[in-house]
Amino acid sequence: TQQISSPADRKKIKDALVEISDSMTRMEAERDLIKDIVKDVADNYQLSKKQISRMAKIYHKQNFIIEQQEIAKKIIENGLAYEHNGSVYFDVEKYSKTNNYTELTGRKLDDLLENTRDLDGQQDKKGRLDFALWIKAKPEHLMKWPSPWGVGFPGWHIECSAMSTKYLGKKFDLHGGGMDLQATHHTNEIAQNVAYCGESPANYWMHTNMLTVNGQKMSKS
């Protein structure tokens, strides 16, 4: 066994032991921090699962048919929607006279009119940008309900207004979605909310970029 005689050797060993002790203390602290982070993530995950489960139970479009019809009726009463041939359409041009229809995108209304495609049922509308709040159902359509305007089903945008106003009120903080929804779906959602209750639904809008799987864009985000 080698004896340690010189003060210099003893100091080196002491310094090494102190360094090892400090390293072990740091490792212990890091391990505790990691455990706390993992626990925090796990707890939030469990909470999120409960919240998502709760929301999934109530957020079904077909459970809000009455609410969607009531919104459509109120917008008609406010003079910003009209019925034609069993369908109800939102009057974008009339709305734009007193409101900024493109506030979310900053686009010009004239540019939208020039670039609007001809779609089925376009002849029933007063304007090319008008969108459906309620759609007359064809006989072969599976999901359809009675309404003041005949048998039909809700338009694409009105379901969001019905659910958000019922559970979150006229105004909530944050609304998210894919950037492909910004120009049409969310723009129309804002318009119909303002026409219905005088409020844009959200204080802040956040839009994600396109999601891709194997290089292919996933739409309908």
Protein backbone atom coordinates (compact mmCIF):
# COMPACT_ATOMS: atom_id res chain seq x y z
CA THR A 1 0.00 0.00 0.00
CA GLN A 2 1.37 3.37 -1.02
CA GLN A 3 1.57 5.87 1.80
CA ILE A 4 0.68 9.49 1.24
CA SER A 5 3.35 11.56 2.90
CA SER A 6 3.60 14.90 1.23
CA PRO A 7 1.15 17.76 1.93
CA ALA A 8 0.79 18.27 -1.81
CA ASP A 9 -0.49 14.71 -2.29
CA ARG A 10 -2.91 15.05 0.61
CA LYS A 11 -4.25 18.31 -0.87
CA LYS A 12 -4.77 16.68 -4.28
CA ILE A 13 -6.75 13.85 -2.69
CA LYS A 14 -8.81 16.27 -0.61
CA ASP A 15 -9.60 18.39 -3.66
CA ALA A 16 -10.55 15.27 -5.61
CA LEU A 17 -12.87 14.12 -2.81
CA VAL A 18 -14.47 17.57 -2.62
CA GLU A 19 -14.99 17.54 -6.40
CA ILE A 20 -16.55 14.07 -6.24
CA SER A 21 -18.82 15.20 -3.40
CA ASP A 22 -19.84 18.31 -5.33
CA SER A 23 -20.52 16.23 -8.43
CA MET A 24 -22.67 13.82 -6.47
CA THR A 25 -24.58 16.73 -4.92
CA ARG A 26 -25.18 18.22 -8.38
CA MET A 27 -26.27 14.85 -9.75
CA GLU A 28 -28.65 14.41 -6.82
CA ALA A 29 -30.10 17.87 -7.41
CA GLU A 30 -30.44 17.23 -11.14
CA ARG A 31 -32.11 13.89 -10.46
CA ASP A 32 -34.59 15.54 -8.09
CA LEU A 33 -35.28 18.25 -10.66
CA ILE A 34 -35.90 15.67 -13.38
CA LYS A 35 -38.23 13.75 -11.04
CA ASP A 36 -40.17 16.97 -10.33
CA ILE A 37 -40.42 17.78 -14.05
CA VAL A 38 -41.60 14.25 -14.90
CA LYS A 39 -44.18 14.35 -12.10
CA ASP A 40 -45.39 17.77 -13.21
CA VAL A 41 -45.76 16.60 -16.82
CA ALA A 42 -47.51 13.41 -15.71
CA ASP A 43 -49.91 15.32 -13.45
CA ASN A 44 -50.73 17.80 -16.22
CA TYR A 45 -51.16 14.93 -18.68
CA GLN A 46 -53.65 13.25 -16.37
CA LEU A 47 -55.46 16.56 -15.87
CA SER A 48 -55.51 17.17 -19.62
CA LYS A 49 -56.87 13.68 -20.21
CA LYS A 50 -59.73 14.41 -17.82
CA GLN A 51 -60.42 17.79 -19.42
CA ILE A 52 -60.25 16.40 -22.96
CA SER A 53 -62.52 13.53 -21.97
CA ARG A 54 -64.99 15.96 -20.43
CA MET A 55 -64.98 18.23 -23.45
CA ALA A 56 -65.27 15.32 -25.88
CA LYS A 57 -68.46 14.24 -24.17
CA ILE A 58 -70.18 17.56 -24.78
CA TYR A 59 -68.69 18.79 -28.05
CA HIS A 60 -70.74 16.96 -30.64
CA LYS A 61 -72.23 19.06 -33.41
CA GLN A 62 -75.46 17.09 -33.59
CA ASN A 63 -76.18 17.79 -29.91
CA PHE A 64 -76.48 21.53 -30.61
CA ILE A 65 -79.01 21.63 -33.46
CA ILE A 66 -81.47 23.80 -31.51
CA GLU A 67 -78.73 26.24 -30.50
CA GLN A 68 -77.52 26.51 -34.09
CA GLN A 69 -81.04 27.18 -35.33
CA GLU A 70 -81.53 29.84 -32.65
CA ILE A 71 -78.36 31.62 -33.76
CA ALA A 72 -79.50 31.55 -37.39
CA LYS A 73 -82.93 32.93 -36.41
CA LYS A 74 -81.35 35.74 -34.38
CA ILE A 75 -79.04 36.74 -37.23
CA ILE A 76 -82.06 36.85 -39.57
CA GLU A 77 -83.87 39.05 -37.03
CA ASN A 78 -80.82 41.33 -36.94
CA GLY A 79 -81.07 41.73 -40.71
CA LEU A 80 -77.76 40.05 -41.54
CA ALA A 81 -79.01 36.72 -42.92
CA TYR A 82 -81.77 35.63 -45.27
CA GLU A 83 -83.67 32.47 -46.19
CA HIS A 84 -83.90 31.20 -49.74
CA ASN A 85 -85.36 27.92 -50.91
CA GLY A 86 -85.04 26.25 -47.49
CA SER A 87 -81.48 27.41 -46.80
CA VAL A 88 -80.27 30.34 -44.70
CA TYR A 89 -77.33 32.47 -45.86
CA PHE A 90 -75.22 35.10 -44.10
CA ASP A 91 -75.22 38.43 -45.96
CA VAL A 92 -71.52 39.30 -46.09
CA GLU A 93 -71.91 42.48 -48.15
CA LYS A 94 -74.49 43.93 -45.76
CA TYR A 95 -72.40 42.94 -42.74
CA SER A 96 -69.32 44.58 -44.29
CA LYS A 97 -71.05 47.96 -44.44
CA THR A 98 -70.79 48.30 -40.66
CA ASN A 99 -68.12 45.74 -39.75
CA ASN A 100 -64.65 44.71 -40.92
CA TYR A 101 -65.29 41.27 -42.42
CA THR A 102 -61.59 40.66 -43.13
CA GLU A 103 -60.23 41.86 -39.77
CA LEU A 104 -58.53 38.53 -39.12
CA THR A 105 -56.59 38.40 -42.40
CA GLY A 106 -56.33 42.04 -43.46
CA ARG A 107 -57.33 41.09 -47.00
CA LYS A 108 -59.40 43.39 -49.23
CA LEU A 109 -63.04 42.48 -49.76
CA ASP A 110 -62.80 43.25 -53.49
CA ASP A 111 -59.94 40.76 -53.85
CA LEU A 112 -62.00 38.08 -52.15
CA LEU A 113 -64.90 38.73 -54.50
CA GLU A 114 -62.66 38.39 -57.55
CA ASN A 115 -61.14 35.11 -56.36
CA THR A 116 -64.33 33.41 -55.16
CA ARG A 117 -65.12 30.17 -56.97
CA ASP A 118 -68.53 29.28 -58.35
CA LEU A 119 -69.97 26.63 -56.05
CA ASP A 120 -73.11 24.53 -55.90
CA GLY A 121 -76.05 26.60 -54.68
CA GLN A 122 -74.30 29.86 -55.62
CA GLN A 123 -77.41 30.99 -57.53
CA ASP A 124 -79.39 30.96 -54.26
CA LYS A 125 -77.12 33.56 -52.68
CA LYS A 126 -77.35 37.34 -52.90
CA GLY A 127 -73.58 37.65 -52.88
CA ARG A 128 -70.66 35.43 -53.87
CA LEU A 129 -69.13 35.53 -50.37
CA ASP A 130 -72.36 34.71 -48.54
CA PHE A 131 -72.08 31.50 -46.54
CA ALA A 132 -74.67 29.02 -45.30
CA LEU A 133 -75.96 29.02 -41.74
CA TRP A 134 -78.51 26.31 -42.55
CA ILE A 135 -78.62 24.09 -45.65
CA LYS A 136 -81.65 22.45 -47.20
CA ALA A 137 -81.11 18.69 -47.17
CA LYS A 138 -81.41 16.55 -50.27
CA PRO A 139 -83.46 13.36 -49.83
CA GLU A 140 -80.35 11.18 -49.75
CA HIS A 141 -78.61 13.25 -47.06
CA LEU A 142 -78.22 11.10 -43.93
CA MET A 143 -77.97 13.70 -41.17
CA LYS A 144 -80.91 16.13 -41.31
CA TRP A 145 -83.26 17.79 -38.88
CA PRO A 146 -86.54 19.78 -39.02
CA SER A 147 -86.19 23.55 -38.80
CA PRO A 148 -88.29 26.72 -39.33
CA TRP A 149 -87.01 26.69 -42.93
CA GLY A 150 -87.58 23.01 -43.68
CA VAL A 151 -85.58 19.83 -43.23
CA GLY A 152 -81.86 20.45 -43.39
CA PHE A 153 -78.57 20.59 -41.51
CA PRO A 154 -76.26 23.30 -40.11
CA GLY A 155 -73.62 25.08 -42.13
CA TRP A 156 -69.94 24.51 -41.48
CA HIS A 157 -69.19 27.53 -39.28
CA ILE A 158 -72.24 27.91 -37.08
CA GLU A 159 -71.52 24.85 -34.92
CA CYS A 160 -68.46 26.55 -33.41
CA SER A 161 -70.45 29.64 -32.43
CA ALA A 162 -73.20 27.52 -30.87
CA MET A 163 -70.82 25.48 -28.73
CA SER A 164 -68.48 28.29 -27.70
CA THR A 165 -71.22 30.73 -26.68
CA LYS A 166 -73.01 28.04 -24.67
CA TYR A 167 -69.98 26.85 -22.69
CA LEU A 168 -67.51 29.73 -22.86
CA GLY A 169 -69.80 32.74 -23.18
CA LYS A 170 -69.79 35.52 -25.74
CA LYS A 171 -66.06 36.13 -25.36
CA PHE A 172 -63.16 33.85 -24.42
CA ASP A 173 -59.40 34.35 -24.50
CA LEU A 174 -57.81 31.99 -26.99
CA HIS A 175 -59.00 30.36 -30.22
CA GLY A 176 -56.68 28.10 -32.20
CA GLY A 177 -56.62 26.16 -35.43
CA GLY A 178 -54.74 25.52 -38.62
CA MET A 179 -53.75 28.45 -40.82
CA ASP A 180 -55.95 27.01 -43.58
CA LEU A 181 -58.97 27.93 -41.42
CA GLN A 182 -58.04 31.58 -40.99
CA ALA A 183 -59.37 33.09 -44.21
CA THR A 184 -62.68 31.27 -44.39
CA HIS A 185 -63.82 29.33 -41.34
CA HIS A 186 -62.55 31.66 -38.62
CA THR A 187 -63.38 34.80 -40.61
CA ASN A 188 -66.97 33.58 -40.97
CA GLU A 189 -67.10 32.48 -37.35
CA ILE A 190 -66.20 36.00 -36.24
CA ALA A 191 -68.80 37.53 -38.56
CA GLN A 192 -71.66 35.33 -37.42
CA ASN A 193 -70.75 35.83 -33.74
CA VAL A 194 -70.77 39.61 -34.15
CA ALA A 195 -74.07 39.42 -36.05
CA TYR A 196 -75.55 37.17 -33.36
CA CYS A 197 -74.38 38.69 -30.08
CA GLY A 198 -72.29 41.74 -30.97
CA GLU A 199 -68.97 40.16 -29.93
CA SER A 200 -66.05 38.62 -31.75
CA PRO A 201 -65.66 35.24 -30.01
CA ALA A 202 -61.99 35.42 -28.97
CA ASN A 203 -59.45 37.95 -27.76
CA TYR A 204 -56.54 36.12 -29.43
CA TRP A 205 -56.29 33.84 -32.46
CA MET A 206 -53.42 31.39 -32.92
CA HIS A 207 -52.90 29.49 -36.17
CA THR A 208 -50.47 26.64 -36.73
CA ASN A 209 -48.74 25.94 -40.02
CA MET A 210 -49.70 22.98 -42.19
CA LEU A 211 -49.16 19.56 -40.66
CA THR A 212 -47.57 16.96 -42.92
CA VAL A 213 -47.36 13.18 -42.76
CA ASN A 214 -44.88 11.47 -45.10
CA GLY A 215 -44.61 14.72 -47.01
CA GLN A 216 -48.36 15.01 -47.58
CA LYS A 217 -50.32 17.98 -46.25
CA MET A 218 -53.08 17.14 -43.75
CA SER A 219 -56.09 19.36 -44.45
CA LYS A 220 -59.18 19.99 -42.36
CA SER A 221 -57.07 20.89 -39.33
